[in-house]
């Protein structure tokens, strides 16, 4: 996504380069996380019992809640990235949010029970059980992304992500007594946009001029 943005920004305006970057991300993942977010919108929007919510999320058909949710989150993501690009912060913000949001979703595997009792789920076996050492390795590699920004930002990001994690975990436990693969996709998408909004809202005017080499905002 970052490489596509850098390459296309040499030719096109911010808006086109960002859309092409988002397309590259969807193609790279097969819209895996967006699909999970859409299913969660449909499931929790149209179901009122655990069985009904899980049934709706498993249905391959797309409902109104999924369409509205995807449109709104993609619009929000586009405009947030656009403003970050105008601040010359697109590439580091993108890398930071992509990496950290995936780690955020991974924490649900380590701390929350799996909801489905059947074996027909599309979720990979590794997402049903995660060894503690694997979580530590993932955490170490993830926090390397903080090198893209000053260290004091760690506290700010965690202050935002911790209550978000606690709320989503409580929400999933309340309604379906755990998580599913779709919940992980939704957690990744929600945390990604929250991280991007945090980076946009944070004061970046104090950054030293020498830091510009890492900004690559074109």
C-alpha atoms as a PDB file:
ATOM      1  CA  UNK A   1       0.000   0.000   0.000  1.00  0.00           C
ATOM      2  CA  UNK A   2       2.799   2.394   0.872  1.00  0.00           C
ATOM      3  CA  UNK A   3       4.739   1.610  -2.300  1.00  0.00           C
ATOM      4  CA  UNK A   4       1.650   2.044  -4.467  1.00  0.00           C
ATOM      5  CA  UNK A   5       0.986   5.412  -2.839  1.00  0.00           C
ATOM      6  CA  UNK A   6       4.579   6.612  -3.316  1.00  0.00           C
ATOM      7  CA  UNK A   7       4.653   5.495  -6.956  1.00  0.00           C
ATOM      8  CA  UNK A   8       1.249   6.855  -7.969  1.00  0.00           C
ATOM      9  CA  UNK A   9       1.696  10.118  -6.064  1.00  0.00           C
ATOM     10  CA  UNK A  10       4.457  10.981  -8.557  1.00  0.00           C
ATOM     11  CA  UNK A  11       1.768  11.129 -11.243  1.00  0.00           C
ATOM     12  CA  UNK A  12      -1.601  11.691  -9.618  1.00  0.00           C
ATOM     13  CA  UNK A  13      -3.153  13.869  -6.946  1.00  0.00           C
ATOM     14  CA  UNK A  14      -3.429  12.837  -3.288  1.00  0.00           C
ATOM     15  CA  UNK A  15      -6.965  11.531  -3.666  1.00  0.00           C
ATOM     16  CA  UNK A  16      -6.241   9.170  -6.556  1.00  0.00           C
ATOM     17  CA  UNK A  17      -3.029   7.864  -5.007  1.00  0.00           C
ATOM     18  CA  UNK A  18      -4.844   7.102  -1.751  1.00  0.00           C
ATOM     19  CA  UNK A  19      -7.682   5.239  -3.489  1.00  0.00           C
ATOM     20  CA  UNK A  20      -5.163   3.182  -5.467  1.00  0.00           C
ATOM     21  CA  UNK A  21      -3.328   2.439  -2.217  1.00  0.00           C
ATOM     22  CA  UNK A  22      -6.552   1.251  -0.580  1.00  0.00           C
ATOM     23  CA  UNK A  23      -7.285  -0.942  -3.603  1.00  0.00           C
ATOM     24  CA  UNK A  24      -3.823  -2.476  -3.270  1.00  0.00           C
ATOM     25  CA  UNK A  25      -4.541  -3.288   0.375  1.00  0.00           C
ATOM     26  CA  UNK A  26      -7.859  -4.939  -0.470  1.00  0.00           C
ATOM     27  CA  UNK A  27      -6.240  -7.017  -3.213  1.00  0.00           C
ATOM     28  CA  UNK A  28      -3.340  -8.036  -0.948  1.00  0.00           C
ATOM     29  CA  UNK A  29      -5.622  -9.349   1.814  1.00  0.00           C
ATOM     30  CA  UNK A  30      -8.606 -10.433  -0.261  1.00  0.00           C
ATOM     31  CA  UNK A  31     -10.717  -7.919   1.682  1.00  0.00           C
ATOM     32  CA  UNK A  32     -10.397 -10.349   4.602  1.00  0.00           C
ATOM     33  CA  UNK A  33     -10.721  -7.769   7.380  1.00  0.00           C
ATOM     34  CA  UNK A  34     -13.318  -5.662   5.557  1.00  0.00           C
ATOM     35  CA  UNK A  35     -15.423  -8.798   5.102  1.00  0.00           C
ATOM     36  CA  UNK A  36     -15.249  -9.486   8.833  1.00  0.00           C
ATOM     37  CA  UNK A  37     -16.262  -5.918   9.642  1.00  0.00           C
ATOM     38  CA  UNK A  38     -19.211  -6.131   7.239  1.00  0.00           C
ATOM     39  CA  UNK A  39     -20.375  -9.444   8.725  1.00  0.00           C
ATOM     40  CA  UNK A  40     -20.184  -8.006  12.235  1.00  0.00           C
ATOM     41  CA  UNK A  41     -22.269  -5.004  11.149  1.00  0.00           C
ATOM     42  CA  UNK A  42     -24.905  -7.333   9.720  1.00  0.00           C
ATOM     43  CA  UNK A  43     -24.794  -9.824  12.572  1.00  0.00           C
ATOM     44  CA  UNK A  44     -24.966  -7.449  15.502  1.00  0.00           C
ATOM     45  CA  UNK A  45     -27.209  -5.045  13.625  1.00  0.00           C
ATOM     46  CA  UNK A  46     -29.831  -7.640  12.707  1.00  0.00           C
ATOM     47  CA  UNK A  47     -29.562 -10.269  15.427  1.00  0.00           C
ATOM     48  CA  UNK A  48     -30.721 -10.221  19.025  1.00  0.00           C
ATOM     49  CA  UNK A  49     -29.595 -13.642  20.210  1.00  0.00           C
ATOM     50  CA  UNK A  50     -26.255 -15.414  20.021  1.00  0.00           C
ATOM     51  CA  UNK A  51     -27.575 -18.040  17.636  1.00  0.00           C
ATOM     52  CA  UNK A  52     -29.136 -15.473  15.296  1.00  0.00           C
ATOM     53  CA  UNK A  53     -26.077 -13.212  15.304  1.00  0.00           C
ATOM     54  CA  UNK A  54     -23.763 -16.110  14.456  1.00  0.00           C
ATOM     55  CA  UNK A  55     -26.170 -17.304  11.777  1.00  0.00           C
ATOM     56  CA  UNK A  56     -26.280 -13.883  10.113  1.00  0.00           C
ATOM     57  CA  UNK A  57     -22.505 -13.472  10.254  1.00  0.00           C
ATOM     58  CA  UNK A  58     -22.091 -16.850   8.573  1.00  0.00           C
ATOM     59  CA  UNK A  59     -24.476 -15.907   5.759  1.00  0.00           C
ATOM     60  CA  UNK A  60     -22.574 -14.913   2.607  1.00  0.00           C
ATOM     61  CA  UNK A  61     -25.273 -12.430   1.608  1.00  0.00           C
ATOM     62  CA  UNK A  62     -24.647  -8.751   2.320  1.00  0.00           C
ATOM     63  CA  UNK A  63     -27.254  -6.761   4.223  1.00  0.00           C
ATOM     64  CA  UNK A  64     -27.990  -3.087   4.738  1.00  0.00           C
ATOM     65  CA  UNK A  65     -25.943  -2.822   7.922  1.00  0.00           C
ATOM     66  CA  UNK A  66     -22.876  -4.237   6.137  1.00  0.00           C
ATOM     67  CA  UNK A  67     -23.196  -1.859   3.180  1.00  0.00           C
ATOM     68  CA  UNK A  68     -23.702   1.198   5.357  1.00  0.00           C
ATOM     69  CA  UNK A  69     -20.879   0.183   7.710  1.00  0.00           C
ATOM     70  CA  UNK A  70     -18.383  -0.428   4.899  1.00  0.00           C
ATOM     71  CA  UNK A  71     -19.248   2.794   3.086  1.00  0.00           C
ATOM     72  CA  UNK A  72     -18.907   4.872   6.240  1.00  0.00           C
ATOM     73  CA  UNK A  73     -15.651   3.322   7.464  1.00  0.00           C
ATOM     74  CA  UNK A  74     -14.047   3.517   3.994  1.00  0.00           C
ATOM     75  CA  UNK A  75     -15.078   7.149   3.651  1.00  0.00           C
ATOM     76  CA  UNK A  76     -13.695   7.921   7.088  1.00  0.00           C
ATOM     77  CA  UNK A  77     -10.468   6.060   6.294  1.00  0.00           C
ATOM     78  CA  UNK A  78     -10.064   7.868   2.969  1.00  0.00           C
ATOM     79  CA  UNK A  79     -10.516  11.356   4.371  1.00  0.00           C
ATOM     80  CA  UNK A  80      -8.324  10.642   7.390  1.00  0.00           C
ATOM     81  CA  UNK A  81      -5.524   9.375   5.147  1.00  0.00           C
ATOM     82  CA  UNK A  82      -6.022  12.365   2.860  1.00  0.00           C
ATOM     83  CA  UNK A  83      -5.452  14.815   5.705  1.00  0.00           C
ATOM     84  CA  UNK A  84      -2.464  12.787   6.908  1.00  0.00           C
ATOM     85  CA  UNK A  85      -1.036  12.879   3.383  1.00  0.00           C
ATOM     86  CA  UNK A  86      -1.433  16.639   3.287  1.00  0.00           C
ATOM     87  CA  UNK A  87       0.549  16.768   6.527  1.00  0.00           C
ATOM     88  CA  UNK A  88       3.240  14.578   4.897  1.00  0.00           C
ATOM     89  CA  UNK A  89       2.454  11.744   7.299  1.00  0.00           C
ATOM     90  CA  UNK A  90       0.764   9.224   5.009  1.00  0.00           C
ATOM     91  CA  UNK A  91       3.383   6.462   4.809  1.00  0.00           C
ATOM     92  CA  UNK A  92       4.481   6.271   8.475  1.00  0.00           C
ATOM     93  CA  UNK A  93       0.864   6.584   9.636  1.00  0.00           C
ATOM     94  CA  UNK A  94      -0.249   3.851   7.260  1.00  0.00           C
ATOM     95  CA  UNK A  95       2.497   1.438   8.329  1.00  0.00           C
ATOM     96  CA  UNK A  96       1.939   2.201  12.003  1.00  0.00           C
ATOM     97  CA  UNK A  97      -1.844   1.721  11.852  1.00  0.00           C
ATOM     98  CA  UNK A  98      -1.714  -1.429   9.724  1.00  0.00           C
ATOM     99  CA  UNK A  99       0.766  -3.183  12.009  1.00  0.00           C
ATOM    100  CA  UNK A 100      -0.655  -2.066  15.344  1.00  0.00           C
ATOM    101  CA  UNK A 101      -4.282  -2.785  14.404  1.00  0.00           C
ATOM    102  CA  UNK A 102      -3.415  -6.367  13.492  1.00  0.00           C
ATOM    103  CA  UNK A 103      -1.713  -6.849  16.846  1.00  0.00           C
ATOM    104  CA  UNK A 104      -4.803  -5.342  18.482  1.00  0.00           C
ATOM    105  CA  UNK A 105      -7.002  -7.978  16.832  1.00  0.00           C
ATOM    106  CA  UNK A 106      -4.558 -10.708  17.865  1.00  0.00           C
ATOM    107  CA  UNK A 107      -4.998  -9.841  21.544  1.00  0.00           C
ATOM    108  CA  UNK A 108      -8.608 -11.069  21.378  1.00  0.00           C
ATOM    109  CA  UNK A 109      -7.353 -14.547  20.520  1.00  0.00           C
ATOM    110  CA  UNK A 110      -5.192 -14.546  23.642  1.00  0.00           C
ATOM    111  CA  UNK A 111      -7.747 -13.087  26.053  1.00  0.00           C
ATOM    112  CA  UNK A 112     -11.215 -14.055  24.800  1.00  0.00           C
ATOM    113  CA  UNK A 113     -12.885 -17.461  24.276  1.00  0.00           C
ATOM    114  CA  UNK A 114     -13.854 -18.581  20.803  1.00  0.00           C
ATOM    115  CA  UNK A 115     -17.605 -18.327  20.327  1.00  0.00           C
ATOM    116  CA  UNK A 116     -18.530 -20.917  17.745  1.00  0.00           C
ATOM    117  CA  UNK A 117     -18.850 -24.568  18.713  1.00  0.00           C
ATOM    118  CA  UNK A 118     -18.974 -25.914  15.148  1.00  0.00           C
ATOM    119  CA  UNK A 119     -15.972 -26.604  12.971  1.00  0.00           C
ATOM    120  CA  UNK A 120     -17.318 -24.962   9.827  1.00  0.00           C
ATOM    121  CA  UNK A 121     -15.881 -21.564  10.576  1.00  0.00           C
ATOM    122  CA  UNK A 122     -13.526 -20.023   8.030  1.00  0.00           C
ATOM    123  CA  UNK A 123     -11.165 -18.866  10.769  1.00  0.00           C
ATOM    124  CA  UNK A 124      -7.722 -20.455  10.689  1.00  0.00           C
ATOM    125  CA  UNK A 125      -6.788 -22.843  13.550  1.00  0.00           C
ATOM    126  CA  UNK A 126      -4.037 -20.484  14.732  1.00  0.00           C
ATOM    127  CA  UNK A 127      -6.690 -17.851  15.417  1.00  0.00           C
ATOM    128  CA  UNK A 128      -8.505 -20.187  17.813  1.00  0.00           C
ATOM    129  CA  UNK A 129      -5.494 -20.768  20.030  1.00  0.00           C
ATOM    130  CA  UNK A 130      -2.403 -18.627  20.511  1.00  0.00           C
ATOM    131  CA  UNK A 131       0.657 -19.609  22.514  1.00  0.00           C
ATOM    132  CA  UNK A 132       1.890 -16.998  24.980  1.00  0.00           C
ATOM    133  CA  UNK A 133       5.364 -16.968  23.466  1.00  0.00           C
ATOM    134  CA  UNK A 134       3.863 -16.290  20.040  1.00  0.00           C
ATOM    135  CA  UNK A 135       1.968 -13.330  21.457  1.00  0.00           C
ATOM    136  CA  UNK A 136       5.187 -12.003  22.980  1.00  0.00           C
ATOM    137  CA  UNK A 137       6.993 -12.322  19.661  1.00  0.00           C
ATOM    138  CA  UNK A 138       4.142 -10.591  17.850  1.00  0.00           C
ATOM    139  CA  UNK A 139       4.130  -7.844  20.493  1.00  0.00           C
ATOM    140  CA  UNK A 140       7.870  -7.239  20.138  1.00  0.00           C
ATOM    141  CA  UNK A 141       7.706  -7.079  16.354  1.00  0.00           C
ATOM    142  CA  UNK A 142       4.632  -4.862  16.463  1.00  0.00           C
ATOM    143  CA  UNK A 143       6.119  -2.301  18.781  1.00  0.00           C
ATOM    144  CA  UNK A 144       8.993  -1.828  16.364  1.00  0.00           C
ATOM    145  CA  UNK A 145       6.426   0.226  14.489  1.00  0.00           C
ATOM    146  CA  UNK A 146       6.625   2.797  17.285  1.00  0.00           C
ATOM    147  CA  UNK A 147      10.062   3.695  15.949  1.00  0.00           C
ATOM    148  CA  UNK A 148       8.204   5.572  13.232  1.00  0.00           C
ATOM    149  CA  UNK A 149       7.056   8.074  15.838  1.00  0.00           C
ATOM    150  CA  UNK A 150       8.436   9.598  19.061  1.00  0.00           C
ATOM    151  CA  UNK A 151       8.290   7.228  22.036  1.00  0.00           C
ATOM    152  CA  UNK A 152       5.975   9.364  24.131  1.00  0.00           C
ATOM    153  CA  UNK A 153       3.233   8.633  21.608  1.00  0.00           C
ATOM    154  CA  UNK A 154       3.128   5.063  22.923  1.00  0.00           C
ATOM    155  CA  UNK A 155       1.289   6.181  26.034  1.00  0.00           C
ATOM    156  CA  UNK A 156      -1.261   8.152  24.031  1.00  0.00           C
ATOM    157  CA  UNK A 157      -2.016   5.300  21.661  1.00  0.00           C
ATOM    158  CA  UNK A 158      -2.339   2.774  24.500  1.00  0.00           C
ATOM    159  CA  UNK A 159      -4.620   5.084  26.462  1.00  0.00           C
ATOM    160  CA  UNK A 160      -6.905   4.998  23.439  1.00  0.00           C
ATOM    161  CA  UNK A 161      -6.589   1.299  22.543  1.00  0.00           C
ATOM    162  CA  UNK A 162      -6.957  -0.162  26.054  1.00  0.00           C
ATOM    163  CA  UNK A 163     -10.512   1.128  26.663  1.00  0.00           C
ATOM    164  CA  UNK A 164     -11.400   0.236  23.060  1.00  0.00           C
ATOM    165  CA  UNK A 165     -10.189  -3.322  23.647  1.00  0.00           C
ATOM    166  CA  UNK A 166     -12.075  -3.612  26.936  1.00  0.00           C
ATOM    167  CA  UNK A 167     -15.291  -2.328  25.373  1.00  0.00           C
ATOM    168  CA  UNK A 168     -15.161  -4.560  22.297  1.00  0.00           C
ATOM    169  CA  UNK A 169     -14.306  -7.587  24.446  1.00  0.00           C
ATOM    170  CA  UNK A 170     -17.237  -6.830  26.768  1.00  0.00           C
ATOM    171  CA  UNK A 171     -19.521  -6.312  23.765  1.00  0.00           C
ATOM    172  CA  UNK A 172     -18.557  -9.597  22.098  1.00  0.00           C
ATOM    173  CA  UNK A 173     -18.833 -11.537  25.363  1.00  0.00           C
ATOM    174  CA  UNK A 174     -22.218 -10.019  26.116  1.00  0.00           C
ATOM    175  CA  UNK A 175     -23.807 -10.924  22.810  1.00  0.00           C
ATOM    176  CA  UNK A 176     -22.032 -14.075  21.543  1.00  0.00           C
ATOM    177  CA  UNK A 177     -19.982 -15.157  24.579  1.00  0.00           C
ATOM    178  CA  UNK A 178     -16.673 -14.760  22.772  1.00  0.00           C
ATOM    179  CA  UNK A 179     -15.202 -13.850  19.413  1.00  0.00           C
ATOM    180  CA  UNK A 180     -15.265 -15.195  15.863  1.00  0.00           C
ATOM    181  CA  UNK A 181     -13.029 -14.623  12.871  1.00  0.00           C
ATOM    182  CA  UNK A 182     -15.377 -11.859  11.773  1.00  0.00           C
ATOM    183  CA  UNK A 183     -14.932 -10.182  15.157  1.00  0.00           C
ATOM    184  CA  UNK A 184     -11.172 -10.164  14.621  1.00  0.00           C
ATOM    185  CA  UNK A 185     -11.620  -8.484  11.247  1.00  0.00           C
ATOM    186  CA  UNK A 186     -13.933  -5.905  12.766  1.00  0.00           C
ATOM    187  CA  UNK A 187     -11.509  -5.254  15.629  1.00  0.00           C
ATOM    188  CA  UNK A 188      -8.706  -4.691  13.124  1.00  0.00           C
ATOM    189  CA  UNK A 189     -10.731  -2.261  11.031  1.00  0.00           C
ATOM    190  CA  UNK A 190     -12.096  -0.310  14.004  1.00  0.00           C
ATOM    191  CA  UNK A 191      -8.723  -0.014  15.720  1.00  0.00           C
ATOM    192  CA  UNK A 192      -7.020   0.947  12.443  1.00  0.00           C
ATOM    193  CA  UNK A 193      -9.297   3.922  11.887  1.00  0.00           C
ATOM    194  CA  UNK A 194      -9.004   4.918  15.556  1.00  0.00           C
ATOM    195  CA  UNK A 195      -5.203   4.877  15.305  1.00  0.00           C
ATOM    196  CA  UNK A 196      -5.285   6.966  12.128  1.00  0.00           C
ATOM    197  CA  UNK A 197      -7.620   9.470  13.767  1.00  0.00           C
ATOM    198  CA  UNK A 198      -5.320   9.629  16.775  1.00  0.00           C
ATOM    199  CA  UNK A 199      -2.309  10.359  14.561  1.00  0.00           C
ATOM    200  CA  UNK A 200      -4.258  13.015  12.692  1.00  0.00           C
ATOM    201  CA  UNK A 201      -5.446  14.658  15.868  1.00  0.00           C
ATOM    202  CA  UNK A 202      -2.051  14.607  17.582  1.00  0.00           C
ATOM    203  CA  UNK A 203       0.103  17.718  17.360  1.00  0.00           C
ATOM    204  CA  UNK A 204       2.867  17.158  14.812  1.00  0.00           C
ATOM    205  CA  UNK A 205       4.089  20.709  14.347  1.00  0.00           C
ATOM    206  CA  UNK A 206       6.951  20.201  16.814  1.00  0.00           C
ATOM    207  CA  UNK A 207       8.561  17.429  14.743  1.00  0.00           C
ATOM    208  CA  UNK A 208      12.152  18.332  13.839  1.00  0.00           C
ATOM    209  CA  UNK A 209      12.891  19.082  10.201  1.00  0.00           C
ATOM    210  CA  UNK A 210      15.326  16.181   9.961  1.00  0.00           C
ATOM    211  CA  UNK A 211      12.456  13.779  10.600  1.00  0.00           C
ATOM    212  CA  UNK A 212      11.089  14.597   7.157  1.00  0.00           C
ATOM    213  CA  UNK A 213      13.068  11.753   5.618  1.00  0.00           C
ATOM    214  CA  UNK A 214      10.707   9.309   7.345  1.00  0.00           C
ATOM    215  CA  UNK A 215       7.541  11.125   6.444  1.00  0.00           C
ATOM    216  CA  UNK A 216       7.546  10.380   2.694  1.00  0.00           C
ATOM    217  CA  UNK A 217       4.353  12.317   2.239  1.00  0.00           C
ATOM    218  CA  UNK A 218       5.367  13.267  -1.326  1.00  0.00           C
END
